[in-house]
Protein backbone atom coordinates (compact mmCIF):
# COMPACT_ATOMS: atom_id res chain seq x y z
CA MET A 1 8.24 -6.74 -45.43
CA SER A 2 7.62 -10.05 -43.65
CA SER A 3 6.25 -13.17 -45.31
CA ASN A 4 2.52 -13.71 -45.62
CA MET A 5 3.02 -17.40 -44.84
CA THR A 6 1.93 -18.27 -41.29
CA PRO A 7 4.56 -20.39 -39.53
CA PHE A 8 2.11 -21.90 -37.08
CA VAL A 9 0.82 -25.46 -37.04
CA LYS A 10 -2.40 -24.28 -35.43
CA PRO A 11 -2.80 -20.52 -36.01
CA ARG A 12 -5.09 -18.54 -33.75
CA PHE A 13 -8.10 -16.68 -35.11
CA VAL A 14 -10.51 -14.12 -33.65
CA ALA A 15 -13.07 -15.99 -31.56
CA GLU A 16 -14.80 -12.96 -30.03
CA LYS A 17 -14.72 -9.19 -30.61
CA VAL A 18 -15.71 -6.60 -28.00
CA LEU A 19 -15.77 -2.81 -28.48
CA ALA A 20 -14.64 -0.85 -25.43
CA ARG A 21 -16.99 2.10 -25.27
CA GLU A 22 -16.18 5.22 -23.26
CA HIS A 23 -17.51 5.32 -19.72
CA ASP A 24 -17.29 8.52 -17.68
CA LYS A 25 -16.07 7.96 -14.16
CA GLY A 26 -16.14 11.09 -12.08
CA ASP A 27 -15.17 14.58 -13.19
CA GLY A 28 -12.31 14.08 -15.63
CA ALA A 29 -11.91 10.29 -15.96
CA ILE A 30 -12.82 8.21 -19.02
CA VAL A 31 -12.48 4.43 -18.84
CA ARG A 32 -12.70 1.99 -21.74
CA ARG A 33 -13.10 -1.50 -20.25
CA THR A 34 -12.86 -4.72 -22.24
CA ILE A 35 -12.01 -7.63 -19.95
CA GLY A 36 -14.27 -7.33 -16.90
CA ARG A 37 -17.47 -6.13 -18.59
CA PRO A 38 -20.68 -8.18 -18.96
CA GLU A 39 -19.83 -9.43 -22.48
CA LEU A 40 -16.35 -10.55 -21.41
CA LYS A 41 -16.47 -10.96 -17.66
CA PHE A 42 -13.25 -12.92 -17.26
CA LEU A 43 -10.54 -14.47 -19.43
CA ASP A 44 -8.51 -16.72 -17.14
CA LEU A 45 -6.14 -15.45 -15.79
CA PHE A 46 -7.12 -11.84 -16.62
CA LEU A 47 -9.75 -10.02 -14.58
CA ILE A 48 -9.84 -6.50 -16.05
CA LEU A 49 -8.24 -4.44 -18.81
CA ASP A 50 -8.96 -0.72 -18.67
CA GLU A 51 -7.74 1.97 -21.02
CA VAL A 52 -7.88 5.06 -18.81
CA THR A 53 -7.71 8.77 -19.60
CA VAL A 54 -7.81 10.92 -16.48
CA SER A 55 -7.24 14.56 -15.61
CA ALA A 56 -7.57 16.47 -12.33
CA PRO A 57 -9.67 16.71 -10.25
CA ALA A 58 -10.57 13.11 -11.11
CA GLY A 59 -8.41 10.22 -9.98
CA PHE A 60 -8.56 7.05 -7.95
CA PRO A 61 -8.25 8.00 -4.26
CA ASP A 62 -7.69 5.58 -1.38
CA HIS A 63 -9.14 2.15 -2.15
CA PRO A 64 -8.33 -1.48 -1.21
CA HIS A 65 -7.33 -4.58 -3.20
CA ILE A 66 -6.67 -8.20 -2.38
CA GLY A 67 -5.82 -11.41 -4.25
CA PHE A 68 -4.36 -10.32 -7.61
CA GLU A 69 -1.79 -8.14 -9.40
CA THR A 70 -2.10 -4.86 -11.27
CA ALA A 71 0.08 -3.87 -14.23
CA THR A 72 -0.06 -0.12 -14.84
CA TYR A 73 1.48 0.94 -18.17
CA MET A 74 1.44 4.63 -19.02
CA LEU A 75 1.28 6.03 -22.55
CA GLU A 76 1.02 9.77 -21.88
CA GLY A 77 1.38 11.97 -18.80
CA ALA A 78 1.95 10.42 -15.39
CA ILE A 79 0.13 8.94 -12.40
CA THR A 80 1.27 9.36 -8.81
CA HIS A 81 1.00 6.30 -6.57
CA GLU A 82 1.00 5.91 -2.78
CA ASP A 83 0.04 3.00 -0.50
CA PHE A 84 -0.37 2.06 3.16
CA VAL A 85 2.46 -0.48 3.29
CA GLY A 86 5.04 2.27 3.07
CA HIS A 87 5.79 2.29 -0.65
CA ASP A 88 7.25 5.74 -1.30
CA LYS A 89 5.19 8.18 -3.31
CA GLY A 90 6.31 8.16 -6.90
CA ALA A 91 5.13 8.83 -10.42
CA ILE A 92 4.53 6.28 -13.16
CA LYS A 93 5.45 8.30 -16.25
CA ALA A 94 4.83 7.84 -19.98
CA GLY A 95 6.42 4.57 -21.06
CA ASP A 96 6.85 3.32 -17.48
CA LEU A 97 5.50 0.13 -15.93
CA GLN A 98 4.43 -0.65 -12.39
CA TRP A 99 3.68 -4.34 -11.73
CA MET A 100 2.11 -4.42 -8.29
CA THR A 101 1.47 -7.70 -6.51
CA VAL A 102 -1.42 -6.91 -4.19
CA GLY A 103 -1.33 -10.30 -2.48
CA ARG A 104 -2.84 -10.29 1.00
CA GLY A 105 -3.93 -6.68 0.79
CA ILE A 106 -3.13 -3.09 -0.10
CA VAL A 107 -4.92 0.21 0.31
CA HIS A 108 -3.52 2.69 -2.19
CA SER A 109 -4.21 5.84 -4.18
CA GLU A 110 -3.55 6.69 -7.84
CA MET A 111 -3.89 10.32 -8.88
CA PRO A 112 -2.87 12.51 -11.86
CA ALA A 113 0.68 13.75 -11.43
CA GLY A 114 0.09 17.04 -13.23
CA PRO A 115 -2.26 19.09 -15.39
CA GLY A 116 -3.78 17.79 -18.59
CA SER A 117 -4.74 14.27 -19.58
CA GLN A 118 -2.92 11.20 -18.30
CA HIS A 119 -3.41 8.15 -20.50
CA GLY A 120 -2.55 4.51 -19.89
CA PHE A 121 -3.64 0.95 -19.22
CA GLN A 122 -4.30 -1.05 -16.11
CA LEU A 123 -4.43 -4.83 -16.34
CA TRP A 124 -5.61 -6.99 -13.42
CA VAL A 125 -3.89 -10.39 -13.36
CA ASN A 126 -5.33 -13.04 -11.06
CA LEU A 127 -3.16 -14.81 -8.49
CA SER A 128 -3.36 -18.53 -7.86
CA SER A 129 -4.86 -19.70 -4.58
CA LYS A 130 -1.36 -20.46 -3.24
CA ASP A 131 -0.23 -16.87 -3.92
CA LYS A 132 -3.27 -14.85 -2.87
CA MET A 133 -2.01 -14.20 0.65
CA ILE A 134 1.64 -13.39 -0.12
CA GLU A 135 3.13 -10.09 0.99
CA PRO A 136 2.59 -7.12 -1.35
CA LYS A 137 5.48 -6.49 -3.73
CA TYR A 138 6.41 -4.15 -6.57
CA GLN A 139 8.30 -4.32 -9.83
CA GLU A 140 8.85 -0.94 -11.43
CA LEU A 141 10.55 -0.20 -14.72
CA GLN A 142 11.16 3.14 -16.38
CA GLY A 143 10.41 3.26 -20.08
CA LYS A 144 14.11 3.28 -20.97
CA ASP A 145 14.57 -0.03 -19.12
CA ILE A 146 11.72 -1.91 -20.82
CA PRO A 147 13.16 -3.97 -23.71
CA LYS A 148 12.28 -2.82 -27.22
CA VAL A 149 13.15 -4.20 -30.63
CA GLU A 150 12.29 -3.28 -34.24
CA LYS A 151 12.50 -5.54 -37.29
CA ASP A 152 10.88 -5.62 -40.74
CA GLY A 153 8.28 -2.96 -39.96
CA VAL A 154 7.42 -4.43 -36.55
CA LYS A 155 8.30 -2.61 -33.34
CA VAL A 156 7.56 -4.15 -29.95
CA THR A 157 7.88 -3.09 -26.33
CA VAL A 158 8.23 -6.26 -24.27
CA ILE A 159 6.42 -5.48 -21.02
CA ALA A 160 6.26 -9.13 -19.94
CA GLY A 161 7.21 -12.35 -21.69
CA GLU A 162 9.11 -12.56 -24.97
CA ALA A 163 8.85 -11.28 -28.55
CA LEU A 164 11.24 -11.11 -31.52
CA GLY A 165 13.92 -12.82 -29.44
CA ILE A 166 13.80 -10.27 -26.60
CA LYS A 167 12.70 -11.09 -23.04
CA SER A 168 11.29 -8.81 -20.36
CA PRO A 169 12.94 -8.78 -16.90
CA VAL A 170 9.50 -8.67 -15.25
CA TYR A 171 8.78 -11.74 -13.14
CA THR A 172 5.26 -13.12 -13.45
CA ARG A 173 4.07 -15.70 -10.94
CA THR A 174 2.01 -17.35 -13.63
CA PRO A 175 3.56 -17.42 -17.14
CA THR A 176 2.30 -14.27 -18.88
CA MET A 177 3.01 -12.12 -21.95
CA TYR A 178 2.20 -8.43 -22.31
CA LEU A 179 3.44 -6.95 -25.59
CA ASP A 180 2.95 -3.50 -27.13
CA PHE A 181 3.29 -3.74 -30.93
CA ARG A 182 3.47 -1.12 -33.65
CA LEU A 183 2.99 -2.62 -37.11
CA GLU A 184 3.83 -0.45 -40.10
CA ALA A 185 1.73 -0.54 -43.27
CA GLU A 186 2.33 -3.61 -45.48
CA SER A 187 4.06 -5.41 -42.60
CA VAL A 188 3.23 -8.77 -41.04
CA LEU A 189 3.70 -10.08 -37.51
CA HIS A 190 3.90 -13.74 -36.47
CA GLN A 191 3.85 -13.92 -32.66
CA PRO A 192 4.14 -17.35 -31.01
CA ILE A 193 1.80 -18.02 -28.08
CA PRO A 194 1.93 -21.29 -26.09
CA GLU A 195 -1.02 -23.42 -27.14
CA SER A 196 -2.26 -23.95 -23.58
CA TRP A 197 -2.54 -20.19 -22.93
CA ASN A 198 -5.53 -17.88 -23.17
CA ALA A 199 -4.77 -14.74 -25.18
CA PHE A 200 -6.35 -11.59 -26.51
CA VAL A 201 -5.49 -8.46 -28.50
CA TYR A 202 -6.41 -4.86 -27.78
CA VAL A 203 -6.21 -2.43 -30.71
CA LEU A 204 -5.06 1.02 -29.66
CA GLU A 205 -4.55 2.86 -32.96
CA GLY A 206 -5.09 2.16 -36.64
CA GLU A 207 -6.43 -1.14 -37.94
CA ALA A 208 -5.16 -4.54 -39.03
CA SER A 209 -6.30 -8.05 -39.96
CA PHE A 210 -5.85 -10.64 -37.23
CA GLY A 211 -5.63 -14.38 -37.83
CA ALA A 212 -5.91 -14.33 -41.62
CA PRO A 213 -4.73 -11.82 -44.27
CA ASN A 214 -8.21 -11.50 -45.77
CA SER A 215 -10.10 -11.12 -42.47
CA PRO A 216 -11.94 -7.80 -42.01
CA PRO A 217 -9.63 -5.16 -40.50
CA VAL A 218 -10.29 -4.36 -36.85
CA GLY A 219 -9.94 -0.81 -35.57
CA ALA A 220 -9.15 1.00 -32.36
CA HIS A 221 -10.64 0.15 -28.96
CA HIS A 222 -11.61 -3.40 -29.85
CA ALA A 223 -10.57 -6.41 -27.77
CA LEU A 224 -10.18 -9.64 -29.71
CA VAL A 225 -10.27 -12.93 -27.84
CA LEU A 226 -8.13 -15.40 -29.76
CA SER A 227 -8.95 -19.03 -30.41
CA SER A 228 -6.60 -21.76 -29.22
CA GLY A 229 -3.42 -22.32 -31.19
CA ASP A 230 0.34 -21.87 -31.17
CA GLY A 231 0.53 -18.30 -32.42
CA VAL A 232 -1.20 -15.31 -33.97
CA SER A 233 -0.45 -13.58 -37.26
CA VAL A 234 -1.33 -9.96 -37.97
CA TRP A 235 -1.37 -8.14 -41.33
CA ASN A 236 -1.43 -4.37 -41.75
CA ASN A 237 -2.95 -3.94 -45.20
CA ASN A 238 -4.09 -0.39 -44.49
CA VAL A 239 -4.60 1.43 -47.78
CA ASP A 240 -3.94 4.76 -46.04
CA ASN A 241 -0.38 3.64 -45.22
CA LYS A 242 -0.97 4.11 -41.48
CA PRO A 243 0.59 2.00 -38.74
CA CYS A 244 -1.44 -0.11 -36.30
CA ARG A 245 -0.66 -0.22 -32.59
CA PHE A 246 -2.02 -3.03 -30.45
CA LEU A 247 -1.38 -5.06 -27.31
CA VAL A 248 -1.03 -8.84 -27.29
CA ILE A 249 -1.73 -10.23 -23.82
CA GLY A 250 -1.76 -13.89 -22.87
CA GLY A 251 -1.14 -16.25 -20.00
CA GLN A 252 -1.38 -19.73 -18.61
CA PRO A 253 -4.92 -20.13 -17.18
CA LEU A 254 -5.19 -20.99 -13.50
CA ASN A 255 -8.31 -23.13 -13.89
CA GLU A 256 -9.45 -22.15 -10.40
CA PRO A 257 -12.80 -20.72 -9.25
CA VAL A 258 -12.99 -16.92 -9.18
CA VAL A 259 -15.19 -15.04 -6.73
CA GLN A 260 -14.89 -11.27 -7.12
CA HIS A 261 -16.43 -8.58 -4.96
CA GLY A 262 -15.27 -5.28 -6.44
CA PRO A 263 -11.56 -4.95 -5.61
CA PHE A 264 -11.44 -8.26 -3.69
CA VAL A 265 -10.71 -11.43 -5.70
CA MET A 266 -10.63 -14.82 -3.98
CA ASN A 267 -11.61 -18.44 -4.73
CA THR A 268 -14.71 -18.89 -2.57
CA THR A 269 -17.60 -16.83 -1.26
CA GLN A 270 -16.50 -17.66 2.28
CA GLU A 271 -13.07 -16.13 1.58
CA ILE A 272 -14.73 -12.96 0.26
CA VAL A 273 -16.91 -12.68 3.37
CA GLN A 274 -13.77 -13.11 5.50
CA THR A 275 -11.90 -10.49 3.47
CA ILE A 276 -14.68 -7.92 3.85
CA GLU A 277 -14.71 -8.55 7.59
CA ASP A 278 -10.91 -8.27 7.80
CA TYR A 279 -10.96 -4.98 5.92
CA ARG A 280 -13.75 -3.61 8.11
CA LEU A 281 -11.95 -4.61 11.33
CA GLY A 282 -8.42 -3.82 10.15
CA ARG A 283 -6.78 -7.23 10.45
CA ASN A 284 -5.01 -9.98 8.42
CA GLY A 285 -3.11 -7.51 6.27
CA PHE A 286 -5.44 -4.53 6.61
CA GLU A 287 -4.20 -3.39 10.04
CA ARG A 288 -3.68 0.18 8.80
CA GLY A 289 -6.69 0.20 6.51
CA ASN A 290 -8.99 2.12 8.85
CA VAL A 291 -6.51 4.83 9.85
CA TRP A 292 -4.28 5.43 6.83
CA ARG A 293 -4.93 8.33 4.48
CA SER A 294 -2.80 9.06 1.44
CA GLN A 295 -1.26 12.49 0.99
CA ILE A 296 -1.70 12.59 -2.78
CA ALA A 297 -5.49 12.20 -2.61
CA GLN A 298 -5.81 15.08 -0.17
CA VAL A 299 -4.16 17.66 -2.40
C-alpha cells in the first residue's frame, strides 16, 4: 500500500465535476460526452472526450475532419476504420490504440467490426495553428505493444506520456499524457503532471477520492477538471474492496483561439468558411471528398 503523504509542492484538486449522461445516437449507439458539452465546452488542448458503446446497425459512416487529432482507444469489441487517403481497412480491437492526425483533412468511416457491443473512447486533441494543415498520419498500437506497469496496487496502461517510470512510444505534437489506471482498494496513486498543463480525470469504474484522502468519493462516468499544480493524488478507500478504473489526461495548452464547426476545427471564422468551401468543392486536401465512398459503411 502506497503512502498517504502527497509528494507534491502544489497538489491538484478537483476544480469542476461533470457527469457524462447517456445520449442515444442512432439505432445502437450510446455516447457519454464530457469534454465538448455545454458545461465543459473545451479544455485546451482537448476538444472532445466520448465514451462510446455501439452495436450494428449503428456506427459512424463517412464523415470529414480537419485541424486536430483523434485518439481511439478500445476497451471491448472492435471498430473497423477506413479513409479516403488510402489507409487500409483495419480493425481497432480491445486494448488497441489508433492515434490519427487529421491535419489538412480526412473523410473516414468507423463501424462495428462484429456483432454485439463495441466499447471504447475517442479523444479529440487540438492541433496548433502551425500543424493544422499537415498531411494526415497514423500511429497504431496493438494492446500488447502499449506499455503497462503494476506496482503497489496501481496498474497503468501508458497510452501517451509517462507514468510509474514507463513511457509510451506514441508521439504527440503537443506534450500530452493519456493514462489508463486501475487502483486497487486501499491503494494510493501519486501522478506527476507538469504545472503548466491542463488536466482532467474520467472515472470509468468504481469510485475514489481525488486530490485529498477525505474528499467525497467520485463514481463512474464523471469527468473531473483538475486545478493547477504539479501532480494529482488518488485514494481508493472503497469499503466494498472494489478497484477503481480511471483515465488521467493532460496536456500543454496551446493558448490559441478555437473556432469549431462540427468536425472542422480552425483558429478563425474565415478559416472555417474556407474549409467548408474546400470540402464542398473538393479541394485543398478534400479532392476525393465528393466521390469517395467507404466499403465498410455500405455493408
